[in-house]
């Protein structure tokens, strides 16, 4: 059964291009960690604009392996720090894990 993860981040004013560029970095990192169907999207129906990063795995065990690989990767840790740190483009985020029914 397919499972997935999504993260919705609010983008600080004037930082949309930074968010898009970082989305591309995260897509590569996730693909290298084994994530499937990795995509980034902009939600433009609200202020501030938000970005969605979404990916899938075959089952919960595979999703856990992706998460473990990401959290052990120094490049991922640096990307997360840069995105969410005081000089980063993200004003905050929420995450969800989901299961296809």
PDB file of N, CA and C in Angstrom:
ATOM      1  N   UNK A   1       0.850  -1.173   0.000  1.00  0.00           N
ATOM      2  CA  UNK A   1       0.000   0.000   0.000  1.00  0.00           C
ATOM      3  C   UNK A   1       0.902   1.244   0.000  1.00  0.00           C
ATOM      4  N   UNK A   2       0.662   2.137  -0.934  1.00  0.00           N
ATOM      5  CA  UNK A   2       1.484   3.339  -1.056  1.00  0.00           C
ATOM      6  C   UNK A   2       1.288   4.250   0.144  1.00  0.00           C
ATOM      7  N   UNK A   3       2.402   4.742   0.666  1.00  0.00           N
ATOM      8  CA  UNK A   3       2.377   5.735   1.731  1.00  0.00           C
ATOM      9  C   UNK A   3       3.186   6.931   1.267  1.00  0.00           C
ATOM     10  N   UNK A   4       2.974   8.044   1.914  1.00  0.00           N
ATOM     11  CA  UNK A   4       3.698   9.236   1.489  1.00  0.00           C
ATOM     12  C   UNK A   4       3.864  10.242   2.598  1.00  0.00           C
ATOM     13  N   UNK A   5       4.548  11.289   2.239  1.00  0.00           N
ATOM     14  CA  UNK A   5       4.874  12.363   3.162  1.00  0.00           C
ATOM     15  C   UNK A   5       4.724  13.669   2.409  1.00  0.00           C
ATOM     16  N   UNK A   6       4.208  14.676   3.081  1.00  0.00           N
ATOM     17  CA  UNK A   6       4.156  16.009   2.478  1.00  0.00           C
ATOM     18  C   UNK A   6       4.498  17.050   3.533  1.00  0.00           C
ATOM     19  N   UNK A   7       5.152  18.081   3.064  1.00  0.00           N
ATOM     20  CA  UNK A   7       5.525  19.209   3.915  1.00  0.00           C
ATOM     21  C   UNK A   7       5.058  20.480   3.221  1.00  0.00           C
ATOM     22  N   UNK A   8       4.289  21.291   3.943  1.00  0.00           N
ATOM     23  CA  UNK A   8       3.798  22.565   3.411  1.00  0.00           C
ATOM     24  C   UNK A   8       4.499  23.677   4.170  1.00  0.00           C
ATOM     25  N   UNK A   9       5.225  24.517   3.424  1.00  0.00           N
ATOM     26  CA  UNK A   9       6.007  25.597   4.030  1.00  0.00           C
ATOM     27  C   UNK A   9       5.517  26.948   3.558  1.00  0.00           C
ATOM     28  N   UNK A  10       5.373  27.874   4.482  1.00  0.00           N
ATOM     29  CA  UNK A  10       5.036  29.258   4.135  1.00  0.00           C
ATOM     30  C   UNK A  10       6.315  29.972   3.716  1.00  0.00           C
ATOM     31  N   UNK A  11       6.218  30.717   2.620  1.00  0.00           N
ATOM     32  CA  UNK A  11       7.389  31.391   2.059  1.00  0.00           C
ATOM     33  C   UNK A  11       7.396  32.849   2.502  1.00  0.00           C
ATOM     34  N   UNK A  12       8.546  33.295   3.010  1.00  0.00           N
ATOM     35  CA  UNK A  12       8.697  34.703   3.390  1.00  0.00           C
ATOM     36  C   UNK A  12       8.580  35.583   2.147  1.00  0.00           C
ATOM     37  N   UNK A  13       8.067  36.800   2.299  1.00  0.00           N
ATOM     38  CA  UNK A  13       7.940  37.710   1.152  1.00  0.00           C
ATOM     39  C   UNK A  13       9.280  37.880   0.424  1.00  0.00           C
ATOM     40  N   UNK A  14       9.212  37.833  -0.895  1.00  0.00           N
ATOM     41  CA  UNK A  14      10.385  38.037  -1.719  1.00  0.00           C
ATOM     42  C   UNK A  14      11.312  36.845  -1.833  1.00  0.00           C
ATOM     43  N   UNK A  15      10.910  35.691  -1.326  1.00  0.00           N
ATOM     44  CA  UNK A  15      11.812  34.533  -1.277  1.00  0.00           C
ATOM     45  C   UNK A  15      11.306  33.334  -2.091  1.00  0.00           C
ATOM     46  N   UNK A  16      10.352  33.568  -3.007  1.00  0.00           N
ATOM     47  CA  UNK A  16       9.790  32.458  -3.788  1.00  0.00           C
ATOM     48  C   UNK A  16      10.869  31.750  -4.604  1.00  0.00           C
ATOM     49  N   UNK A  17      11.745  32.503  -5.245  1.00  0.00           N
ATOM     50  CA  UNK A  17      12.792  31.888  -6.060  1.00  0.00           C
ATOM     51  C   UNK A  17      13.706  31.004  -5.217  1.00  0.00           C
ATOM     52  N   UNK A  18      14.015  31.445  -4.001  1.00  0.00           N
ATOM     53  CA  UNK A  18      14.829  30.638  -3.098  1.00  0.00           C
ATOM     54  C   UNK A  18      14.123  29.341  -2.737  1.00  0.00           C
ATOM     55  N   UNK A  19      12.825  29.432  -2.498  1.00  0.00           N
ATOM     56  CA  UNK A  19      12.051  28.236  -2.144  1.00  0.00           C
ATOM     57  C   UNK A  19      12.028  27.251  -3.308  1.00  0.00           C
ATOM     58  N   UNK A  20      11.869  27.747  -4.522  1.00  0.00           N
ATOM     59  CA  UNK A  20      11.854  26.871  -5.696  1.00  0.00           C
ATOM     60  C   UNK A  20      13.218  26.203  -5.870  1.00  0.00           C
ATOM     61  N   UNK A  21      14.289  26.968  -5.727  1.00  0.00           N
ATOM     62  CA  UNK A  21      15.639  26.408  -5.860  1.00  0.00           C
ATOM     63  C   UNK A  21      15.896  25.340  -4.802  1.00  0.00           C
ATOM     64  N   UNK A  22      15.498  25.602  -3.566  1.00  0.00           N
ATOM     65  CA  UNK A  22      15.684  24.604  -2.510  1.00  0.00           C
ATOM     66  C   UNK A  22      14.816  23.377  -2.753  1.00  0.00           C
ATOM     67  N   UNK A  23      13.633  23.583  -3.316  1.00  0.00           N
ATOM     68  CA  UNK A  23      12.777  22.449  -3.659  1.00  0.00           C
ATOM     69  C   UNK A  23      13.479  21.490  -4.606  1.00  0.00           C
ATOM     70  N   UNK A  24      14.208  22.040  -5.562  1.00  0.00           N
ATOM     71  CA  UNK A  24      14.963  21.198  -6.489  1.00  0.00           C
ATOM     72  C   UNK A  24      16.061  20.432  -5.753  1.00  0.00           C
ATOM     73  N   UNK A  25      16.714  21.080  -4.791  1.00  0.00           N
ATOM     74  CA  UNK A  25      17.740  20.395  -3.993  1.00  0.00           C
ATOM     75  C   UNK A  25      17.123  19.239  -3.213  1.00  0.00           C
ATOM     76  N   UNK A  26      15.987  19.510  -2.558  1.00  0.00           N
ATOM     77  CA  UNK A  26      15.335  18.464  -1.771  1.00  0.00           C
ATOM     78  C   UNK A  26      14.862  17.318  -2.661  1.00  0.00           C
ATOM     79  N   UNK A  27      14.400  17.620  -3.865  1.00  0.00           N
ATOM     80  CA  UNK A  27      13.973  16.560  -4.780  1.00  0.00           C
ATOM     81  C   UNK A  27      15.130  15.603  -5.068  1.00  0.00           C
ATOM     82  N   UNK A  28      16.319  16.147  -5.316  1.00  0.00           N
ATOM     83  CA  UNK A  28      17.489  15.306  -5.596  1.00  0.00           C
ATOM     84  C   UNK A  28      17.892  14.498  -4.365  1.00  0.00           C
ATOM     85  N   UNK A  29      17.887  15.140  -3.203  1.00  0.00           N
ATOM     86  CA  UNK A  29      18.238  14.438  -1.969  1.00  0.00           C
ATOM     87  C   UNK A  29      17.266  13.304  -1.684  1.00  0.00           C
ATOM     88  N   UNK A  30      15.981  13.566  -1.859  1.00  0.00           N
ATOM     89  CA  UNK A  30      14.970  12.536  -1.609  1.00  0.00           C
ATOM     90  C   UNK A  30      15.082  11.382  -2.596  1.00  0.00           C
ATOM     91  N   UNK A  31      15.295  11.692  -3.862  1.00  0.00           N
ATOM     92  CA  UNK A  31      15.443  10.635  -4.860  1.00  0.00           C
ATOM     93  C   UNK A  31      16.651   9.762  -4.526  1.00  0.00           C
ATOM     94  N   UNK A  32      17.742  10.375  -4.107  1.00  0.00           N
ATOM     95  CA  UNK A  32      18.938   9.616  -3.727  1.00  0.00           C
ATOM     96  C   UNK A  32      18.681   8.741  -2.504  1.00  0.00           C
ATOM     97  N   UNK A  33      17.743   9.154  -1.651  1.00  0.00           N
ATOM     98  CA  UNK A  33      17.407   8.389  -0.448  1.00  0.00           C
ATOM     99  C   UNK A  33      16.370   7.300  -0.726  1.00  0.00           C
ATOM    100  N   UNK A  34      15.883   7.213  -1.970  1.00  0.00           N
ATOM    101  CA  UNK A  34      14.942   6.161  -2.333  1.00  0.00           C
ATOM    102  C   UNK A  34      13.488   6.573  -2.423  1.00  0.00           C
ATOM    103  N   UNK A  35      13.189   7.854  -2.256  1.00  0.00           N
ATOM    104  CA  UNK A  35      11.801   8.314  -2.363  1.00  0.00           C
ATOM    105  C   UNK A  35      11.319   8.198  -3.812  1.00  0.00           C
ATOM    106  N   UNK A  36      10.032   7.977  -3.969  1.00  0.00           N
ATOM    107  CA  UNK A  36       9.410   7.860  -5.286  1.00  0.00           C
ATOM    108  C   UNK A  36       8.450   9.026  -5.497  1.00  0.00           C
ATOM    109  N   UNK A  37       8.219   9.362  -6.760  1.00  0.00           N
ATOM    110  CA  UNK A  37       7.243  10.400  -7.133  1.00  0.00           C
ATOM    111  C   UNK A  37       7.450  11.693  -6.342  1.00  0.00           C
ATOM    112  N   UNK A  38       8.691  12.126  -6.284  1.00  0.00           N
ATOM    113  CA  UNK A  38       9.026  13.354  -5.555  1.00  0.00           C
ATOM    114  C   UNK A  38       8.596  14.546  -6.397  1.00  0.00           C
ATOM    115  N   UNK A  39       7.891  15.480  -5.760  1.00  0.00           N
ATOM    116  CA  UNK A  39       7.462  16.680  -6.494  1.00  0.00           C
ATOM    117  C   UNK A  39       7.360  17.867  -5.551  1.00  0.00           C
ATOM    118  N   UNK A  40       7.520  19.035  -6.144  1.00  0.00           N
ATOM    119  CA  UNK A  40       7.295  20.281  -5.414  1.00  0.00           C
ATOM    120  C   UNK A  40       6.234  21.065  -6.162  1.00  0.00           C
ATOM    121  N   UNK A  41       5.414  21.771  -5.397  1.00  0.00           N
ATOM    122  CA  UNK A  41       4.317  22.563  -5.965  1.00  0.00           C
ATOM    123  C   UNK A  41       4.211  23.869  -5.201  1.00  0.00           C
ATOM    124  N   UNK A  42       3.702  24.887  -5.868  1.00  0.00           N
ATOM    125  CA  UNK A  42       3.402  26.149  -5.194  1.00  0.00           C
ATOM    126  C   UNK A  42       1.906  26.238  -4.962  1.00  0.00           C
ATOM    127  N   UNK A  43       1.507  26.607  -3.759  1.00  0.00           N
ATOM    128  CA  UNK A  43       0.104  26.911  -3.450  1.00  0.00           C
ATOM    129  C   UNK A  43      -0.033  28.423  -3.505  1.00  0.00           C
ATOM    130  N   UNK A  44      -0.674  28.898  -4.532  1.00  0.00           N
ATOM    131  CA  UNK A  44      -0.700  30.337  -4.762  1.00  0.00           C
ATOM    132  C   UNK A  44      -2.050  30.966  -4.420  1.00  0.00           C
ATOM    133  N   UNK A  45      -2.907  30.225  -3.736  1.00  0.00           N
ATOM    134  CA  UNK A  45      -4.240  30.725  -3.426  1.00  0.00           C
ATOM    135  C   UNK A  45      -4.317  31.419  -2.077  1.00  0.00           C
ATOM    136  N   UNK A  46      -3.176  31.601  -1.437  1.00  0.00           N
ATOM    137  CA  UNK A  46      -3.204  32.239  -0.126  1.00  0.00           C
ATOM    138  C   UNK A  46      -1.976  33.128   0.030  1.00  0.00           C
ATOM    139  N   UNK A  47      -2.030  33.962   1.017  1.00  0.00           N
ATOM    140  CA  UNK A  47      -0.879  34.786   1.367  1.00  0.00           C
ATOM    141  C   UNK A  47      -0.475  34.384   2.770  1.00  0.00           C
ATOM    142  N   UNK A  48       0.771  34.039   3.015  1.00  0.00           N
ATOM    143  CA  UNK A  48       1.846  34.021   2.027  1.00  0.00           C
ATOM    144  C   UNK A  48       1.737  32.823   1.105  1.00  0.00           C
ATOM    145  N   UNK A  49       2.439  32.894  -0.032  1.00  0.00           N
ATOM    146  CA  UNK A  49       2.515  31.745  -0.926  1.00  0.00           C
ATOM    147  C   UNK A  49       3.179  30.611  -0.152  1.00  0.00           C
ATOM    148  N   UNK A  50       2.732  29.397  -0.425  1.00  0.00           N
ATOM    149  CA  UNK A  50       3.299  28.228   0.247  1.00  0.00           C
ATOM    150  C   UNK A  50       3.831  27.248  -0.786  1.00  0.00           C
ATOM    151  N   UNK A  51       4.782  26.445  -0.374  1.00  0.00           N
ATOM    152  CA  UNK A  51       5.310  25.385  -1.219  1.00  0.00           C
ATOM    153  C   UNK A  51       4.991  24.040  -0.579  1.00  0.00           C
ATOM    154  N   UNK A  52       4.746  23.054  -1.423  1.00  0.00           N
ATOM    155  CA  UNK A  52       4.477  21.697  -0.960  1.00  0.00           C
ATOM    156  C   UNK A  52       5.565  20.790  -1.527  1.00  0.00           C
ATOM    157  N   UNK A  53       6.190  20.028  -0.669  1.00  0.00           N
ATOM    158  CA  UNK A  53       7.127  18.984  -1.073  1.00  0.00           C
ATOM    159  C   UNK A  53       6.455  17.666  -0.732  1.00  0.00           C
ATOM    160  N   UNK A  54       6.325  16.793  -1.723  1.00  0.00           N
ATOM    161  CA  UNK A  54       5.603  15.540  -1.532  1.00  0.00           C
ATOM    162  C   UNK A  54       6.411  14.385  -2.118  1.00  0.00           C
ATOM    163  N   UNK A  55       6.373  13.245  -1.430  1.00  0.00           N
ATOM    164  CA  UNK A  55       6.996  12.050  -1.988  1.00  0.00           C
ATOM    165  C   UNK A  55       6.289  10.817  -1.473  1.00  0.00           C
ATOM    166  N   UNK A  56       6.586   9.673  -2.112  1.00  0.00           N
ATOM    167  CA  UNK A  56       5.917   8.420  -1.798  1.00  0.00           C
ATOM    168  C   UNK A  56       6.927   7.304  -1.586  1.00  0.00           C
ATOM    169  N   UNK A  57       6.440   6.213  -0.996  1.00  0.00           N
ATOM    170  CA  UNK A  57       7.209   4.979  -0.835  1.00  0.00           C
ATOM    171  C   UNK A  57       6.230   3.814  -0.928  1.00  0.00           C
ATOM    172  N   UNK A  58       6.767   2.636  -1.169  1.00  0.00           N
ATOM    173  CA  UNK A  58       5.911   1.460  -1.370  1.00  0.00           C
ATOM    174  C   UNK A  58       5.114   1.085  -0.133  1.00  0.00           C
ATOM    175  N   UNK A  59       5.699   1.268   1.052  1.00  0.00           N
ATOM    176  CA  UNK A  59       5.028   0.910   2.296  1.00  0.00           C
ATOM    177  C   UNK A  59       5.669   1.690   3.441  1.00  0.00           C
ATOM    178  N   UNK A  60       5.177   1.461   4.653  1.00  0.00           N
ATOM    179  CA  UNK A  60       5.681   2.230   5.792  1.00  0.00           C
ATOM    180  C   UNK A  60       7.152   1.947   6.083  1.00  0.00           C
ATOM    181  N   UNK A  61       7.587   0.719   5.880  1.00  0.00           N
ATOM    182  CA  UNK A  61       8.999   0.391   6.111  1.00  0.00           C
ATOM    183  C   UNK A  61       9.891   1.148   5.134  1.00  0.00           C
ATOM    184  N   UNK A  62       9.477   1.217   3.881  1.00  0.00           N
ATOM    185  CA  UNK A  62      10.257   1.944   2.874  1.00  0.00           C
ATOM    186  C   UNK A  62      10.262   3.440   3.167  1.00  0.00           C
ATOM    187  N   UNK A  63       9.141   3.966   3.645  1.00  0.00           N
ATOM    188  CA  UNK A  63       9.085   5.384   4.009  1.00  0.00           C
ATOM    189  C   UNK A  63      10.033   5.668   5.171  1.00  0.00           C
ATOM    190  N   UNK A  64      10.096   4.751   6.130  1.00  0.00           N
ATOM    191  CA  UNK A  64      11.019   4.899   7.249  1.00  0.00           C
ATOM    192  C   UNK A  64      12.471   4.891   6.797  1.00  0.00           C
ATOM    193  N   UNK A  65      12.792   4.056   5.807  1.00  0.00           N
ATOM    194  CA  UNK A  65      14.156   4.011   5.283  1.00  0.00           C
ATOM    195  C   UNK A  65      14.523   5.327   4.610  1.00  0.00           C
ATOM    196  N   UNK A  66      13.569   5.925   3.884  1.00  0.00           N
ATOM    197  CA  UNK A  66      13.825   7.230   3.267  1.00  0.00           C
ATOM    198  C   UNK A  66      14.095   8.263   4.357  1.00  0.00           C
ATOM    199  N   UNK A  67      13.259   8.283   5.375  1.00  0.00           N
ATOM    200  CA  UNK A  67      13.435   9.250   6.467  1.00  0.00           C
ATOM    201  C   UNK A  67      14.761   9.051   7.176  1.00  0.00           C
ATOM    202  N   UNK A  68      15.113   7.800   7.458  1.00  0.00           N
ATOM    203  CA  UNK A  68      16.390   7.526   8.124  1.00  0.00           C
ATOM    204  C   UNK A  68      17.563   8.004   7.277  1.00  0.00           C
ATOM    205  N   UNK A  69      17.514   7.719   5.971  1.00  0.00           N
ATOM    206  CA  UNK A  69      18.594   8.131   5.077  1.00  0.00           C
ATOM    207  C   UNK A  69      18.708   9.652   5.013  1.00  0.00           C
ATOM    208  N   UNK A  70      17.571  10.331   4.968  1.00  0.00           N
ATOM    209  CA  UNK A  70      17.586  11.797   4.894  1.00  0.00           C
ATOM    210  C   UNK A  70      18.167  12.401   6.168  1.00  0.00           C
ATOM    211  N   UNK A  71      17.749  11.912   7.313  1.00  0.00           N
ATOM    212  CA  UNK A  71      18.204  12.500   8.571  1.00  0.00           C
ATOM    213  C   UNK A  71      19.672  12.188   8.863  1.00  0.00           C
ATOM    214  N   UNK A  72      20.216  11.142   8.251  1.00  0.00           N
ATOM    215  CA  UNK A  72      21.624  10.807   8.435  1.00  0.00           C
ATOM    216  C   UNK A  72      22.537  11.527   7.436  1.00  0.00           C
ATOM    217  N   UNK A  73      21.950  12.204   6.475  1.00  0.00           N
ATOM    218  CA  UNK A  73      22.722  12.853   5.405  1.00  0.00           C
ATOM    219  C   UNK A  73      23.073  14.290   5.787  1.00  0.00           C
ATOM    220  N   UNK A  74      24.363  14.613   5.907  1.00  0.00           N
ATOM    221  CA  UNK A  74      24.752  15.989   6.256  1.00  0.00           C
ATOM    222  C   UNK A  74      24.245  17.030   5.256  1.00  0.00           C
ATOM    223  N   UNK A  75      24.129  16.660   3.981  1.00  0.00           N
ATOM    224  CA  UNK A  75      23.622  17.617   2.987  1.00  0.00           C
ATOM    225  C   UNK A  75      22.154  17.956   3.257  1.00  0.00           C
ATOM    226  N   UNK A  76      21.379  16.961   3.676  1.00  0.00           N
ATOM    227  CA  UNK A  76      19.978  17.210   4.024  1.00  0.00           C
ATOM    228  C   UNK A  76      19.886  18.079   5.271  1.00  0.00           C
ATOM    229  N   UNK A  77      20.695  17.777   6.261  1.00  0.00           N
ATOM    230  CA  UNK A  77      20.680  18.579   7.486  1.00  0.00           C
ATOM    231  C   UNK A  77      21.015  20.035   7.186  1.00  0.00           C
ATOM    232  N   UNK A  78      21.982  20.269   6.321  1.00  0.00           N
ATOM    233  CA  UNK A  78      22.354  21.635   5.957  1.00  0.00           C
ATOM    234  C   UNK A  78      21.222  22.326   5.186  1.00  0.00           C
ATOM    235  N   UNK A  79      20.586  21.601   4.276  1.00  0.00           N
ATOM    236  CA  UNK A  79      19.478  22.179   3.514  1.00  0.00           C
ATOM    237  C   UNK A  79      18.320  22.550   4.438  1.00  0.00           C
ATOM    238  N   UNK A  80      18.028  21.700   5.421  1.00  0.00           N
ATOM    239  CA  UNK A  80      16.957  22.001   6.370  1.00  0.00           C
ATOM    240  C   UNK A  80      17.299  23.214   7.222  1.00  0.00           C
ATOM    241  N   UNK A  81      18.562  23.305   7.665  1.00  0.00           N
ATOM    242  CA  UNK A  81      18.989  24.445   8.465  1.00  0.00           C
ATOM    243  C   UNK A  81      18.895  25.736   7.655  1.00  0.00           C
ATOM    244  N   UNK A  82      19.342  25.690   6.413  1.00  0.00           N
ATOM    245  CA  UNK A  82      19.322  26.883   5.568  1.00  0.00           C
ATOM    246  C   UNK A  82      17.892  27.330   5.277  1.00  0.00           C
ATOM    247  N   UNK A  83      17.001  26.390   5.046  1.00  0.00           N
ATOM    248  CA  UNK A  83      15.609  26.711   4.748  1.00  0.00           C
ATOM    249  C   UNK A  83      14.891  27.321   5.951  1.00  0.00           C
ATOM    250  N   UNK A  84      15.070  26.707   7.113  1.00  0.00           N
ATOM    251  CA  UNK A  84      14.299  27.097   8.282  1.00  0.00           C
ATOM    252  C   UNK A  84      15.006  27.999   9.262  1.00  0.00           C
ATOM    253  N   UNK A  85      16.283  28.281   9.011  1.00  0.00           N
ATOM    254  CA  UNK A  85      17.042  29.139   9.916  1.00  0.00           C
ATOM    255  C   UNK A  85      16.615  30.596   9.818  1.00  0.00           C
ATOM    256  N   UNK A  86      17.193  31.452  10.613  1.00  0.00           N
ATOM    257  CA  UNK A  86      16.790  32.857  10.646  1.00  0.00           C
ATOM    258  C   UNK A  86      16.941  33.575   9.305  1.00  0.00           C
ATOM    259  N   UNK A  87      17.874  33.131   8.477  1.00  0.00           N
ATOM    260  CA  UNK A  87      18.047  33.748   7.163  1.00  0.00           C
ATOM    261  C   UNK A  87      17.373  32.948   6.054  1.00  0.00           C
ATOM    262  N   UNK A  88      16.662  31.909   6.417  1.00  0.00           N
ATOM    263  CA  UNK A  88      16.018  31.042   5.431  1.00  0.00           C
ATOM    264  C   UNK A  88      14.735  31.638   4.876  1.00  0.00           C
ATOM    265  N   UNK A  89      14.221  30.984   3.864  1.00  0.00           N
ATOM    266  CA  UNK A  89      13.022  31.475   3.182  1.00  0.00           C
ATOM    267  C   UNK A  89      11.725  31.012   3.846  1.00  0.00           C
ATOM    268  N   UNK A  90      11.778  30.000   4.699  1.00  0.00           N
ATOM    269  CA  UNK A  90      10.560  29.447   5.290  1.00  0.00           C
ATOM    270  C   UNK A  90      10.155  30.197   6.558  1.00  0.00           C
ATOM    271  N   UNK A  91       8.884  30.577   6.592  1.00  0.00           N
ATOM    272  CA  UNK A  91       8.334  31.230   7.777  1.00  0.00           C
ATOM    273  C   UNK A  91       7.709  30.216   8.731  1.00  0.00           C
ATOM    274  N   UNK A  92       7.697  28.949   8.346  1.00  0.00           N
ATOM    275  CA  UNK A  92       7.113  27.886   9.149  1.00  0.00           C
ATOM    276  C   UNK A  92       6.579  26.794   8.240  1.00  0.00           C
ATOM    277  N   UNK A  93       6.341  25.612   8.813  1.00  0.00           N
ATOM    278  CA  UNK A  93       5.877  24.508   7.979  1.00  0.00           C
ATOM    279  C   UNK A  93       5.072  23.518   8.814  1.00  0.00           C
ATOM    280  N   UNK A  94       4.317  22.692   8.108  1.00  0.00           N
ATOM    281  CA  UNK A  94       3.620  21.557   8.706  1.00  0.00           C
ATOM    282  C   UNK A  94       3.953  20.324   7.883  1.00  0.00           C
ATOM    283  N   UNK A  95       3.907  19.160   8.505  1.00  0.00           N
ATOM    284  CA  UNK A  95       4.183  17.924   7.788  1.00  0.00           C
ATOM    285  C   UNK A  95       3.061  16.929   8.041  1.00  0.00           C
ATOM    286  N   UNK A  96       2.863  16.048   7.069  1.00  0.00           N
ATOM    287  CA  UNK A  96       1.865  15.000   7.183  1.00  0.00           C
ATOM    288  C   UNK A  96       2.384  13.732   6.535  1.00  0.00           C
ATOM    289  N   UNK A  97       2.091  12.601   7.152  1.00  0.00           N
ATOM    290  CA  UNK A  97       2.323  11.295   6.547  1.00  0.00           C
ATOM    291  C   UNK A  97       0.957  10.750   6.173  1.00  0.00           C
ATOM    292  N   UNK A  98       0.848  10.156   5.005  1.00  0.00           N
ATOM    293  CA  UNK A  98      -0.459   9.680   4.539  1.00  0.00           C
ATOM    294  C   UNK A  98      -0.349   8.269   3.970  1.00  0.00           C
ATOM    295  N   UNK A  99      -1.485   7.592   3.912  1.00  0.00           N
ATOM    296  CA  UNK A  99      -1.593   6.244   3.363  1.00  0.00           C
ATOM    297  C   UNK A  99      -2.696   6.253   2.322  1.00  0.00           C
ATOM    298  N   UNK A 100      -2.379   5.767   1.140  1.00  0.00           N
ATOM    299  CA  UNK A 100      -3.383   5.671   0.072  1.00  0.00           C
ATOM    300  C   UNK A 100      -4.400   4.590   0.437  1.00  0.00           C
ATOM    301  N   UNK A 101      -5.685   4.901   0.318  1.00  0.00           N
ATOM    302  CA  UNK A 101      -6.733   3.925   0.621  1.00  0.00           C
ATOM    303  C   UNK A 101      -7.537   3.585  -0.607  1.00  0.00           C
TER     304      UNK A 101
END
